[in-house]
Amino acid sequence: MRRQYTAEQRREFIDLVTAGRATISEAAARLGVPPSTAYYWARKARPTRKATRALVPAKPPSASPPPFVQLIRASDTGAVIEVRIGRTAIQVRPGFDAELLRAVIELLREIVG
């Protein structure tokens, strides 16, 4: 017979994983959740592209760039930059979608907290 889990149990699992306090496997073992269920919950908790796009504001809240951004000359735009937040690294290449990058960074900041 299938076991029923409460919303609180799912929330606790997702909090452990997204806060980086446990891997999916570790959190599943700690909470007594089968791995298949744990991976399903983790997959469902990930924002979709559509949801991520919805988080991008139409206009940036401020006209000035955030303090972590360094402006570069147009002749140097062939370079790849890497943004690190916690254990996550994002490589940014020429032609990137700046609004999507902002949304991803904001989401990572919330998760890493």
PDB file of N, CA and C in Angstrom:
ATOM      1  N   MET A   1       0.825  -1.168   0.000  1.00  0.00           N
ATOM      2  CA  MET A   1       0.000   0.000   0.000  1.00  0.00           C
ATOM      3  C   MET A   1       0.883   1.250   0.000  1.00  0.00           C
ATOM      4  N   ARG A   2       0.474   2.258  -0.788  1.00  0.00           N
ATOM      5  CA  ARG A   2       1.256   3.490  -0.889  1.00  0.00           C
ATOM      6  C   ARG A   2       1.116   4.329   0.362  1.00  0.00           C
ATOM      7  N   ARG A   3       2.221   4.892   0.746  1.00  0.00           N
ATOM      8  CA  ARG A   3       2.208   5.770   1.914  1.00  0.00           C
ATOM      9  C   ARG A   3       1.831   7.186   1.479  1.00  0.00           C
ATOM     10  N   GLN A   4       1.067   7.855   2.285  1.00  0.00           N
ATOM     11  CA  GLN A   4       0.674   9.245   2.023  1.00  0.00           C
ATOM     12  C   GLN A   4       1.594  10.177   2.813  1.00  0.00           C
ATOM     13  N   TYR A   5       2.049  11.244   2.183  1.00  0.00           N
ATOM     14  CA  TYR A   5       2.910  12.213   2.838  1.00  0.00           C
ATOM     15  C   TYR A   5       2.165  13.538   2.946  1.00  0.00           C
ATOM     16  N   THR A   6       2.431  14.253   4.019  1.00  0.00           N
ATOM     17  CA  THR A   6       1.770  15.543   4.225  1.00  0.00           C
ATOM     18  C   THR A   6       2.518  16.639   3.458  1.00  0.00           C
ATOM     19  N   ALA A   7       1.847  17.754   3.279  1.00  0.00           N
ATOM     20  CA  ALA A   7       2.486  18.897   2.626  1.00  0.00           C
ATOM     21  C   ALA A   7       3.686  19.361   3.451  1.00  0.00           C
ATOM     22  N   GLU A   8       3.590  19.252   4.766  1.00  0.00           N
ATOM     23  CA  GLU A   8       4.694  19.651   5.644  1.00  0.00           C
ATOM     24  C   GLU A   8       5.923  18.762   5.408  1.00  0.00           C
ATOM     25  N   GLN A   9       5.706  17.453   5.214  1.00  0.00           N
ATOM     26  CA  GLN A   9       6.829  16.543   4.950  1.00  0.00           C
ATOM     27  C   GLN A   9       7.498  16.898   3.621  1.00  0.00           C
ATOM     28  N   ARG A  10       6.695  17.198   2.610  1.00  0.00           N
ATOM     29  CA  ARG A  10       7.257  17.594   1.310  1.00  0.00           C
ATOM     30  C   ARG A  10       8.038  18.893   1.447  1.00  0.00           C
ATOM     31  N   ARG A  11       7.450  19.853   2.176  1.00  0.00           N
ATOM     32  CA  ARG A  11       8.099  21.147   2.370  1.00  0.00           C
ATOM     33  C   ARG A  11       9.439  20.982   3.096  1.00  0.00           C
ATOM     34  N   GLU A  12       9.468  20.140   4.112  1.00  0.00           N
ATOM     35  CA  GLU A  12      10.706  19.893   4.856  1.00  0.00           C
ATOM     36  C   GLU A  12      11.777  19.294   3.941  1.00  0.00           C
ATOM     37  N   PHE A  13      11.371  18.347   3.102  1.00  0.00           N
ATOM     38  CA  PHE A  13      12.295  17.726   2.156  1.00  0.00           C
ATOM     39  C   PHE A  13      12.861  18.788   1.203  1.00  0.00           C
ATOM     40  N   ILE A  14      11.975  19.584   0.592  1.00  0.00           N
ATOM     41  CA  ILE A  14      12.401  20.600  -0.371  1.00  0.00           C
ATOM     42  C   ILE A  14      13.305  21.626   0.310  1.00  0.00           C
ATOM     43  N   ASP A  15      12.980  22.023   1.536  1.00  0.00           N
ATOM     44  CA  ASP A  15      13.817  22.974   2.269  1.00  0.00           C
ATOM     45  C   ASP A  15      15.220  22.421   2.503  1.00  0.00           C
ATOM     46  N   LEU A  16      15.319  21.149   2.889  1.00  0.00           N
ATOM     47  CA  LEU A  16      16.630  20.535   3.110  1.00  0.00           C
ATOM     48  C   LEU A  16      17.472  20.567   1.836  1.00  0.00           C
ATOM     49  N   VAL A  17      16.842  20.211   0.721  1.00  0.00           N
ATOM     50  CA  VAL A  17      17.572  20.106  -0.545  1.00  0.00           C
ATOM     51  C   VAL A  17      17.920  21.484  -1.097  1.00  0.00           C
ATOM     52  N   THR A  18      16.944  22.401  -1.136  1.00  0.00           N
ATOM     53  CA  THR A  18      17.217  23.709  -1.747  1.00  0.00           C
ATOM     54  C   THR A  18      18.140  24.568  -0.900  1.00  0.00           C
ATOM     55  N   ALA A  19      18.146  24.371   0.402  1.00  0.00           N
ATOM     56  CA  ALA A  19      19.054  25.132   1.262  1.00  0.00           C
ATOM     57  C   ALA A  19      20.462  24.552   1.240  1.00  0.00           C
ATOM     58  N   GLY A  20      20.637  23.405   0.579  1.00  0.00           N
ATOM     59  CA  GLY A  20      21.961  22.802   0.482  1.00  0.00           C
ATOM     60  C   GLY A  20      22.391  22.054   1.729  1.00  0.00           C
ATOM     61  N   ARG A  21      21.434  21.785   2.627  1.00  0.00           N
ATOM     62  CA  ARG A  21      21.771  21.064   3.853  1.00  0.00           C
ATOM     63  C   ARG A  21      21.813  19.552   3.628  1.00  0.00           C
ATOM     64  N   ALA A  22      21.309  19.092   2.488  1.00  0.00           N
ATOM     65  CA  ALA A  22      21.339  17.665   2.177  1.00  0.00           C
ATOM     66  C   ALA A  22      21.139  17.470   0.679  1.00  0.00           C
ATOM     67  N   THR A  23      21.703  16.381   0.151  1.00  0.00           N
ATOM     68  CA  THR A  23      21.424  16.016  -1.228  1.00  0.00           C
ATOM     69  C   THR A  23      20.035  15.384  -1.259  1.00  0.00           C
ATOM     70  N   ILE A  24      19.542  15.134  -2.445  1.00  0.00           N
ATOM     71  CA  ILE A  24      18.221  14.503  -2.562  1.00  0.00           C
ATOM     72  C   ILE A  24      18.232  13.144  -1.865  1.00  0.00           C
ATOM     73  N   SER A  25      19.269  12.363  -2.095  1.00  0.00           N
ATOM     74  CA  SER A  25      19.362  11.034  -1.482  1.00  0.00           C
ATOM     75  C   SER A  25      19.461  11.117   0.041  1.00  0.00           C
ATOM     76  N   GLU A  26      20.279  12.052   0.537  1.00  0.00           N
ATOM     77  CA  GLU A  26      20.436  12.199   1.986  1.00  0.00           C
ATOM     78  C   GLU A  26      19.123  12.632   2.648  1.00  0.00           C
ATOM     79  N   ALA A  27      18.450  13.608   2.033  1.00  0.00           N
ATOM     80  CA  ALA A  27      17.185  14.090   2.593  1.00  0.00           C
ATOM     81  C   ALA A  27      16.130  12.981   2.572  1.00  0.00           C
ATOM     82  N   ALA A  28      16.111  12.200   1.497  1.00  0.00           N
ATOM     83  CA  ALA A  28      15.152  11.091   1.401  1.00  0.00           C
ATOM     84  C   ALA A  28      15.399  10.075   2.514  1.00  0.00           C
ATOM     85  N   ALA A  29      16.661   9.712   2.721  1.00  0.00           N
ATOM     86  CA  ALA A  29      16.992   8.749   3.771  1.00  0.00           C
ATOM     87  C   ALA A  29      16.648   9.305   5.151  1.00  0.00           C
ATOM     88  N   ARG A  30      16.977  10.567   5.374  1.00  0.00           N
ATOM     89  CA  ARG A  30      16.713  11.200   6.667  1.00  0.00           C
ATOM     90  C   ARG A  30      15.220  11.233   6.992  1.00  0.00           C
ATOM     91  N   LEU A  31      14.388  11.467   5.971  1.00  0.00           N
ATOM     92  CA  LEU A  31      12.945  11.604   6.194  1.00  0.00           C
ATOM     93  C   LEU A  31      12.161  10.318   5.924  1.00  0.00           C
ATOM     94  N   GLY A  32      12.864   9.247   5.526  1.00  0.00           N
ATOM     95  CA  GLY A  32      12.189   7.976   5.278  1.00  0.00           C
ATOM     96  C   GLY A  32      11.326   7.978   4.022  1.00  0.00           C
ATOM     97  N   VAL A  33      11.776   8.727   3.019  1.00  0.00           N
ATOM     98  CA  VAL A  33      11.040   8.828   1.749  1.00  0.00           C
ATOM     99  C   VAL A  33      11.769   7.981   0.703  1.00  0.00           C
ATOM    100  N   PRO A  34      11.042   7.170  -0.072  1.00  0.00           N
ATOM    101  CA  PRO A  34      11.705   6.395  -1.121  1.00  0.00           C
ATOM    102  C   PRO A  34      12.403   7.323  -2.128  1.00  0.00           C
ATOM    103  N   PRO A  35      13.555   6.914  -2.651  1.00  0.00           N
ATOM    104  CA  PRO A  35      14.284   7.754  -3.603  1.00  0.00           C
ATOM    105  C   PRO A  35      13.442   8.190  -4.798  1.00  0.00           C
ATOM    106  N   SER A  36      12.613   7.303  -5.330  1.00  0.00           N
ATOM    107  CA  SER A  36      11.800   7.681  -6.496  1.00  0.00           C
ATOM    108  C   SER A  36      10.851   8.823  -6.149  1.00  0.00           C
ATOM    109  N   THR A  37      10.272   8.780  -4.964  1.00  0.00           N
ATOM    110  CA  THR A  37       9.374   9.856  -4.519  1.00  0.00           C
ATOM    111  C   THR A  37      10.166  11.138  -4.315  1.00  0.00           C
ATOM    112  N   ALA A  38      11.343  11.031  -3.712  1.00  0.00           N
ATOM    113  CA  ALA A  38      12.179  12.199  -3.449  1.00  0.00           C
ATOM    114  C   ALA A  38      12.573  12.898  -4.748  1.00  0.00           C
ATOM    115  N   TYR A  39      13.006  12.133  -5.746  1.00  0.00           N
ATOM    116  CA  TYR A  39      13.392  12.733  -7.018  1.00  0.00           C
ATOM    117  C   TYR A  39      12.187  13.353  -7.721  1.00  0.00           C
ATOM    118  N   TYR A  40      11.028  12.743  -7.585  1.00  0.00           N
ATOM    119  CA  TYR A  40       9.798  13.300  -8.157  1.00  0.00           C
ATOM    120  C   TYR A  40       9.501  14.655  -7.502  1.00  0.00           C
ATOM    121  N   TRP A  41       9.568  14.720  -6.173  1.00  0.00           N
ATOM    122  CA  TRP A  41       9.308  15.977  -5.465  1.00  0.00           C
ATOM    123  C   TRP A  41      10.311  17.051  -5.892  1.00  0.00           C
ATOM    124  N   ALA A  42      11.573  16.655  -6.000  1.00  0.00           N
ATOM    125  CA  ALA A  42      12.610  17.625  -6.384  1.00  0.00           C
ATOM    126  C   ALA A  42      12.363  18.142  -7.802  1.00  0.00           C
ATOM    127  N   ARG A  43      11.996  17.250  -8.707  1.00  0.00           N
ATOM    128  CA  ARG A  43      11.727  17.655 -10.089  1.00  0.00           C
ATOM    129  C   ARG A  43      10.529  18.604 -10.143  1.00  0.00           C
ATOM    130  N   LYS A  44       9.487  18.304  -9.374  1.00  0.00           N
ATOM    131  CA  LYS A  44       8.292  19.147  -9.360  1.00  0.00           C
ATOM    132  C   LYS A  44       8.565  20.517  -8.727  1.00  0.00           C
ATOM    133  N   ALA A  45       9.534  20.586  -7.828  1.00  0.00           N
ATOM    134  CA  ALA A  45       9.832  21.837  -7.127  1.00  0.00           C
ATOM    135  C   ALA A  45      10.668  22.796  -7.968  1.00  0.00           C
ATOM    136  N   ARG A  46      11.329  22.270  -9.011  1.00  0.00           N
ATOM    137  CA  ARG A  46      12.151  23.129  -9.862  1.00  0.00           C
ATOM    138  C   ARG A  46      11.270  24.063 -10.671  1.00  0.00           C
ATOM    139  N   PRO A  47      11.647  25.348 -10.760  1.00  0.00           N
ATOM    140  CA  PRO A  47      10.850  26.259 -11.579  1.00  0.00           C
ATOM    141  C   PRO A  47      11.009  25.916 -13.056  1.00  0.00           C
ATOM    142  N   THR A  48       9.947  26.048 -13.801  1.00  0.00           N
ATOM    143  CA  THR A  48      10.009  25.818 -15.244  1.00  0.00           C
ATOM    144  C   THR A  48      10.520  27.081 -15.914  1.00  0.00           C
ATOM    145  N   ARG A  49      10.865  26.979 -17.186  1.00  0.00           N
ATOM    146  CA  ARG A  49      11.303  28.168 -17.923  1.00  0.00           C
ATOM    147  C   ARG A  49      10.214  29.232 -17.899  1.00  0.00           C
ATOM    148  N   LYS A  50       8.979  28.790 -18.070  1.00  0.00           N
ATOM    149  CA  LYS A  50       7.853  29.717 -18.088  1.00  0.00           C
ATOM    150  C   LYS A  50       7.743  30.436 -16.742  1.00  0.00           C
ATOM    151  N   ALA A  51       7.884  29.696 -15.648  1.00  0.00           N
ATOM    152  CA  ALA A  51       7.795  30.289 -14.309  1.00  0.00           C
ATOM    153  C   ALA A  51       8.963  31.249 -14.074  1.00  0.00           C
ATOM    154  N   THR A  52      10.150  30.873 -14.551  1.00  0.00           N
ATOM    155  CA  THR A  52      11.317  31.736 -14.384  1.00  0.00           C
ATOM    156  C   THR A  52      11.124  33.027 -15.156  1.00  0.00           C
ATOM    157  N   ARG A  53      10.607  32.930 -16.369  1.00  0.00           N
ATOM    158  CA  ARG A  53      10.340  34.115 -17.181  1.00  0.00           C
ATOM    159  C   ARG A  53       9.345  35.030 -16.490  1.00  0.00           C
ATOM    160  N   ALA A  54       8.351  34.450 -15.830  1.00  0.00           N
ATOM    161  CA  ALA A  54       7.328  35.254 -15.166  1.00  0.00           C
ATOM    162  C   ALA A  54       7.923  36.055 -14.011  1.00  0.00           C
ATOM    163  N   LEU A  55       9.044  35.611 -13.461  1.00  0.00           N
ATOM    164  CA  LEU A  55       9.675  36.309 -12.352  1.00  0.00           C
ATOM    165  C   LEU A  55      10.513  37.500 -12.797  1.00  0.00           C
ATOM    166  N   VAL A  56      10.771  37.590 -14.109  1.00  0.00           N
ATOM    167  CA  VAL A  56      11.605  38.669 -14.621  1.00  0.00           C
ATOM    168  C   VAL A  56      10.768  39.934 -14.717  1.00  0.00           C
ATOM    169  N   PRO A  57      11.151  41.000 -14.020  1.00  0.00           N
ATOM    170  CA  PRO A  57      10.378  42.237 -14.107  1.00  0.00           C
ATOM    171  C   PRO A  57      10.492  42.854 -15.491  1.00  0.00           C
ATOM    172  N   ALA A  58       9.439  43.517 -15.938  1.00  0.00           N
ATOM    173  CA  ALA A  58       9.440  44.157 -17.249  1.00  0.00           C
ATOM    174  C   ALA A  58      10.529  45.224 -17.309  1.00  0.00           C
ATOM    175  N   LYS A  59      10.685  45.989 -16.233  1.00  0.00           N
ATOM    176  CA  LYS A  59      11.733  47.004 -16.149  1.00  0.00           C
ATOM    177  C   LYS A  59      12.558  46.727 -14.905  1.00  0.00           C
ATOM    178  N   PRO A  60      13.876  46.869 -14.990  1.00  0.00           N
ATOM    179  CA  PRO A  60      14.677  46.695 -13.780  1.00  0.00           C
ATOM    180  C   PRO A  60      14.253  47.739 -12.748  1.00  0.00           C
ATOM    181  N   PRO A  61      14.259  47.387 -11.452  1.00  0.00           N
ATOM    182  CA  PRO A  61      13.826  48.325 -10.433  1.00  0.00           C
ATOM    183  C   PRO A  61      14.697  49.577 -10.355  1.00  0.00           C
ATOM    184  N   SER A  62      15.932  49.482 -10.797  1.00  0.00           N
ATOM    185  CA  SER A  62      16.835  50.622 -10.714  1.00  0.00           C
ATOM    186  C   SER A  62      17.565  50.757 -12.042  1.00  0.00           C
ATOM    187  N   ALA A  63      17.840  51.978 -12.445  1.00  0.00           N
ATOM    188  CA  ALA A  63      18.544  52.199 -13.700  1.00  0.00           C
ATOM    189  C   ALA A  63      20.031  51.882 -13.561  1.00  0.00           C
ATOM    190  N   SER A  64      20.568  51.946 -12.337  1.00  0.00           N
ATOM    191  CA  SER A  64      21.987  51.667 -12.151  1.00  0.00           C
ATOM    192  C   SER A  64      22.210  50.166 -11.991  1.00  0.00           C
ATOM    193  N   PRO A  65      23.338  49.647 -12.513  1.00  0.00           N
ATOM    194  CA  PRO A  65      23.599  48.213 -12.396  1.00  0.00           C
ATOM    195  C   PRO A  65      23.861  47.823 -10.944  1.00  0.00           C
ATOM    196  N   PRO A  66      23.591  46.551 -10.602  1.00  0.00           N
ATOM    197  CA  PRO A  66      23.884  46.088  -9.243  1.00  0.00           C
ATOM    198  C   PRO A  66      25.383  46.234  -8.965  1.00  0.00           C
ATOM    199  N   PRO A  67      25.783  46.307  -7.705  1.00  0.00           N
ATOM    200  CA  PRO A  67      27.188  46.541  -7.376  1.00  0.00           C
ATOM    201  C   PRO A  67      28.133  45.418  -7.804  1.00  0.00           C
ATOM    202  N   PHE A  68      27.623  44.225  -8.068  1.00  0.00           N
ATOM    203  CA  PHE A  68      28.507  43.131  -8.440  1.00  0.00           C
ATOM    204  C   PHE A  68      28.796  43.086  -9.937  1.00  0.00           C
ATOM    205  N   VAL A  69      28.248  44.008 -10.713  1.00  0.00           N
ATOM    206  CA  VAL A  69      28.433  44.018 -12.157  1.00  0.00           C
ATOM    207  C   VAL A  69      29.559  44.978 -12.509  1.00  0.00           C
ATOM    208  N   GLN A  70      30.461  44.516 -13.370  1.00  0.00           N
ATOM    209  CA  GLN A  70      31.533  45.382 -13.848  1.00  0.00           C
ATOM    210  C   GLN A  70      31.295  45.617 -15.327  1.00  0.00           C
ATOM    211  N   LEU A  71      31.262  46.873 -15.744  1.00  0.00           N
ATOM    212  CA  LEU A  71      31.059  47.206 -17.143  1.00  0.00           C
ATOM    213  C   LEU A  71      32.366  47.001 -17.892  1.00  0.00           C
ATOM    214  N   ILE A  72      32.258  46.472 -19.135  1.00  0.00           N
ATOM    215  CA  ILE A  72      33.457  46.223 -19.935  1.00  0.00           C
ATOM    216  C   ILE A  72      33.335  46.938 -21.279  1.00  0.00           C
ATOM    217  N   ARG A  73      34.470  47.181 -21.918  1.00  0.00           N
ATOM    218  CA  ARG A  73      34.481  47.840 -23.229  1.00  0.00           C
ATOM    219  C   ARG A  73      33.901  46.900 -24.281  1.00  0.00           C
ATOM    220  N   ALA A  74      33.310  47.466 -25.315  1.00  0.00           N
ATOM    221  CA  ALA A  74      32.700  46.681 -26.383  1.00  0.00           C
ATOM    222  C   ALA A  74      33.718  45.759 -27.053  1.00  0.00           C
ATOM    223  N   SER A  75      34.980  46.175 -27.133  1.00  0.00           N
ATOM    224  CA  SER A  75      36.001  45.348 -27.786  1.00  0.00           C
ATOM    225  C   SER A  75      36.326  44.094 -26.984  1.00  0.00           C
ATOM    226  N   ASP A  76      35.952  44.055 -25.700  1.00  0.00           N
ATOM    227  CA  ASP A  76      36.249  42.911 -24.844  1.00  0.00           C
ATOM    228  C   ASP A  76      35.067  41.935 -24.729  1.00  0.00           C
ATOM    229  N   THR A  77      34.030  42.093 -25.527  1.00  0.00           N
ATOM    230  CA  THR A  77      32.816  41.298 -25.337  1.00  0.00           C
ATOM    231  C   THR A  77      32.939  39.851 -25.793  1.00  0.00           C
ATOM    232  N   GLY A  78      34.045  39.451 -26.374  1.00  0.00           N
ATOM    233  CA  GLY A  78      34.214  38.060 -26.772  1.00  0.00           C
ATOM    234  C   GLY A  78      34.528  37.152 -25.590  1.00  0.00           C
ATOM    235  N   ALA A  79      34.807  37.735 -24.459  1.00  0.00           N
ATOM    236  CA  ALA A  79      35.191  36.970 -23.274  1.00  0.00           C
ATOM    237  C   ALA A  79      33.983  36.297 -22.630  1.00  0.00           C
ATOM    238  N   VAL A  80      34.240  35.178 -21.992  1.00  0.00           N
ATOM    239  CA  VAL A  80      33.224  34.472 -21.220  1.00  0.00           C
ATOM    240  C   VAL A  80      33.447  34.838 -19.763  1.00  0.00           C
ATOM    241  N   ILE A  81      32.358  35.168 -19.053  1.00  0.00           N
ATOM    242  CA  ILE A  81      32.491  35.433 -17.626  1.00  0.00           C
ATOM    243  C   ILE A  81      31.783  34.334 -16.863  1.00  0.00           C
ATOM    244  N   GLU A  82      32.196  34.152 -15.634  1.00  0.00           N
ATOM    245  CA  GLU A  82      31.573  33.136 -14.787  1.00  0.00           C
ATOM    246  C   GLU A  82      31.058  33.806 -13.530  1.00  0.00           C
ATOM    247  N   VAL A  83      29.784  33.524 -13.217  1.00  0.00           N
ATOM    248  CA  VAL A  83      29.153  34.058 -12.012  1.00  0.00           C
ATOM    249  C   VAL A  83      29.006  32.887 -11.051  1.00  0.00           C
ATOM    250  N   ARG A  84      29.497  33.051  -9.819  1.00  0.00           N
ATOM    251  CA  ARG A  84      29.387  31.993  -8.808  1.00  0.00           C
ATOM    252  C   ARG A  84      28.526  32.488  -7.659  1.00  0.00           C
ATOM    253  N   ILE A  85      27.534  31.656  -7.315  1.00  0.00           N
ATOM    254  CA  ILE A  85      26.699  31.917  -6.152  1.00  0.00           C
ATOM    255  C   ILE A  85      26.630  30.607  -5.387  1.00  0.00           C
ATOM    256  N   GLY A  86      27.220  30.584  -4.216  1.00  0.00           N
ATOM    257  CA  GLY A  86      27.291  29.332  -3.457  1.00  0.00           C
ATOM    258  C   GLY A  86      28.124  28.330  -4.235  1.00  0.00           C
ATOM    259  N   ARG A  87      27.578  27.142  -4.435  1.00  0.00           N
ATOM    260  CA  ARG A  87      28.291  26.098  -5.184  1.00  0.00           C
ATOM    261  C   ARG A  87      27.910  26.095  -6.655  1.00  0.00           C
ATOM    262  N   THR A  88      27.089  27.051  -7.082  1.00  0.00           N
ATOM    263  CA  THR A  88      26.611  27.092  -8.456  1.00  0.00           C
ATOM    264  C   THR A  88      27.433  28.079  -9.275  1.00  0.00           C
ATOM    265  N   ALA A  89      27.848  27.659 -10.473  1.00  0.00           N
ATOM    266  CA  ALA A  89      28.584  28.534 -11.381  1.00  0.00           C
ATOM    267  C   ALA A  89      27.795  28.650 -12.686  1.00  0.00           C
ATOM    268  N   ILE A  90      27.671  29.864 -13.179  1.00  0.00           N
ATOM    269  CA  ILE A  90      26.972  30.122 -14.438  1.00  0.00           C
ATOM    270  C   ILE A  90      27.960  30.790 -15.378  1.00  0.00           C
ATOM    271  N   GLN A  91      28.137  30.218 -16.569  1.00  0.00           N
ATOM    272  CA  GLN A  91      28.992  30.847 -17.572  1.00  0.00           C
ATOM    273  C   GLN A  91      28.124  31.726 -18.454  1.00  0.00           C
ATOM    274  N   VAL A  92      28.547  32.965 -18.621  1.00  0.00           N
ATOM    275  CA  VAL A  92      27.803  33.927 -19.413  1.00  0.00           C
ATOM    276  C   VAL A  92      28.609  34.226 -20.673  1.00  0.00           C
ATOM    277  N   ARG A  93      27.993  33.989 -21.803  1.00  0.00           N
ATOM    278  CA  ARG A  93      28.653  34.175 -23.096  1.00  0.00           C
ATOM    279  C   ARG A  93      28.038  35.366 -23.828  1.00  0.00           C
ATOM    280  N   PRO A  94      28.729  35.856 -24.840  1.00  0.00           N
ATOM    281  CA  PRO A  94      28.170  36.977 -25.607  1.00  0.00           C
ATOM    282  C   PRO A  94      26.769  36.632 -26.127  1.00  0.00           C
ATOM    283  N   GLY A  95      25.885  37.616 -26.089  1.00  0.00           N
ATOM    284  CA  GLY A  95      24.529  37.424 -26.594  1.00  0.00           C
ATOM    285  C   GLY A  95      23.564  36.868 -25.566  1.00  0.00           C
ATOM    286  N   PHE A  96      23.944  36.808 -24.292  1.00  0.00           N
ATOM    287  CA  PHE A  96      23.076  36.243 -23.255  1.00  0.00           C
ATOM    288  C   PHE A  96      21.848  37.113 -23.045  1.00  0.00           C
ATOM    289  N   ASP A  97      20.814  36.522 -22.490  1.00  0.00           N
ATOM    290  CA  ASP A  97      19.575  37.226 -22.154  1.00  0.00           C
ATOM    291  C   ASP A  97      19.760  37.821 -20.756  1.00  0.00           C
ATOM    292  N   ALA A  98      19.993  39.130 -20.687  1.00  0.00           N
ATOM    293  CA  ALA A  98      20.306  39.788 -19.412  1.00  0.00           C
ATOM    294  C   ALA A  98      19.164  39.666 -18.414  1.00  0.00           C
ATOM    295  N   GLU A  99      17.933  39.769 -18.857  1.00  0.00           N
ATOM    296  CA  GLU A  99      16.796  39.678 -17.940  1.00  0.00           C
ATOM    297  C   GLU A  99      16.689  38.282 -17.344  1.00  0.00           C
ATOM    298  N   LEU A 100      16.915  37.261 -18.160  1.00  0.00           N
ATOM    299  CA  LEU A 100      16.870  35.888 -17.655  1.00  0.00           C
ATOM    300  C   LEU A 100      18.006  35.655 -16.659  1.00  0.00           C
ATOM    301  N   LEU A 101      19.198  36.177 -16.949  1.00  0.00           N
ATOM    302  CA  LEU A 101      20.321  36.043 -16.028  1.00  0.00           C
ATOM    303  C   LEU A 101      19.997  36.694 -14.684  1.00  0.00           C
ATOM    304  N   ARG A 102      19.407  37.891 -14.711  1.00  0.00           N
ATOM    305  CA  ARG A 102      19.003  38.561 -13.467  1.00  0.00           C
ATOM    306  C   ARG A 102      18.047  37.690 -12.661  1.00  0.00           C
ATOM    307  N   ALA A 103      17.059  37.101 -13.342  1.00  0.00           N
ATOM    308  CA  ALA A 103      16.068  36.262 -12.653  1.00  0.00           C
ATOM    309  C   ALA A 103      16.727  35.034 -12.034  1.00  0.00           C
ATOM    310  N   VAL A 104      17.638  34.396 -12.766  1.00  0.00           N
ATOM    311  CA  VAL A 104      18.326  33.216 -12.261  1.00  0.00           C
ATOM    312  C   VAL A 104      19.170  33.576 -11.046  1.00  0.00           C
ATOM    313  N   ILE A 105      19.879  34.690 -11.108  1.00  0.00           N
ATOM    314  CA  ILE A 105      20.722  35.121  -9.987  1.00  0.00           C
ATOM    315  C   ILE A 105      19.855  35.413  -8.759  1.00  0.00           C
ATOM    316  N   GLU A 106      18.736  36.079  -8.962  1.00  0.00           N
ATOM    317  CA  GLU A 106      17.846  36.358  -7.828  1.00  0.00           C
ATOM    318  C   GLU A 106      17.325  35.080  -7.192  1.00  0.00           C
ATOM    319  N   LEU A 107      16.945  34.097  -8.023  1.00  0.00           N
ATOM    320  CA  LEU A 107      16.472  32.814  -7.495  1.00  0.00           C
ATOM    321  C   LEU A 107      17.576  32.114  -6.707  1.00  0.00           C
ATOM    322  N   LEU A 108      18.790  32.108  -7.245  1.00  0.00           N
ATOM    323  CA  LEU A 108      19.911  31.471  -6.554  1.00  0.00           C
ATOM    324  C   LEU A 108      20.214  32.175  -5.244  1.00  0.00           C
ATOM    325  N   ARG A 109      20.115  33.493  -5.229  1.00  0.00           N
ATOM    326  CA  ARG A 109      20.346  34.239  -3.976  1.00  0.00           C
ATOM    327  C   ARG A 109      19.345  33.817  -2.911  1.00  0.00           C
ATOM    328  N   GLU A 110      18.081  33.630  -3.312  1.00  0.00           N
ATOM    329  CA  GLU A 110      17.054  33.212  -2.358  1.00  0.00           C
ATOM    330  C   GLU A 110      17.346  31.813  -1.830  1.00  0.00           C
ATOM    331  N   ILE A 111      17.771  30.928  -2.718  1.00  0.00           N
ATOM    332  CA  ILE A 111      18.034  29.540  -2.326  1.00  0.00           C
ATOM    333  C   ILE A 111      19.262  29.457  -1.423  1.00  0.00           C
ATOM    334  N   VAL A 112      20.339  30.131  -1.819  1.00  0.00           N
ATOM    335  CA  VAL A 112      21.581  30.082  -1.049  1.00  0.00           C
ATOM    336  C   VAL A 112      21.427  30.886   0.237  1.00  0.00           C
ATOM    337  N   GLY A 113      20.644  31.976   0.139  1.00  0.00           N
ATOM    338  CA  GLY A 113      20.261  32.792   1.280  1.00  0.00           C
ATOM    339  C   GLY A 113      21.357  33.281   2.087  1.00  0.00           C
TER     340      GLY A 113
END
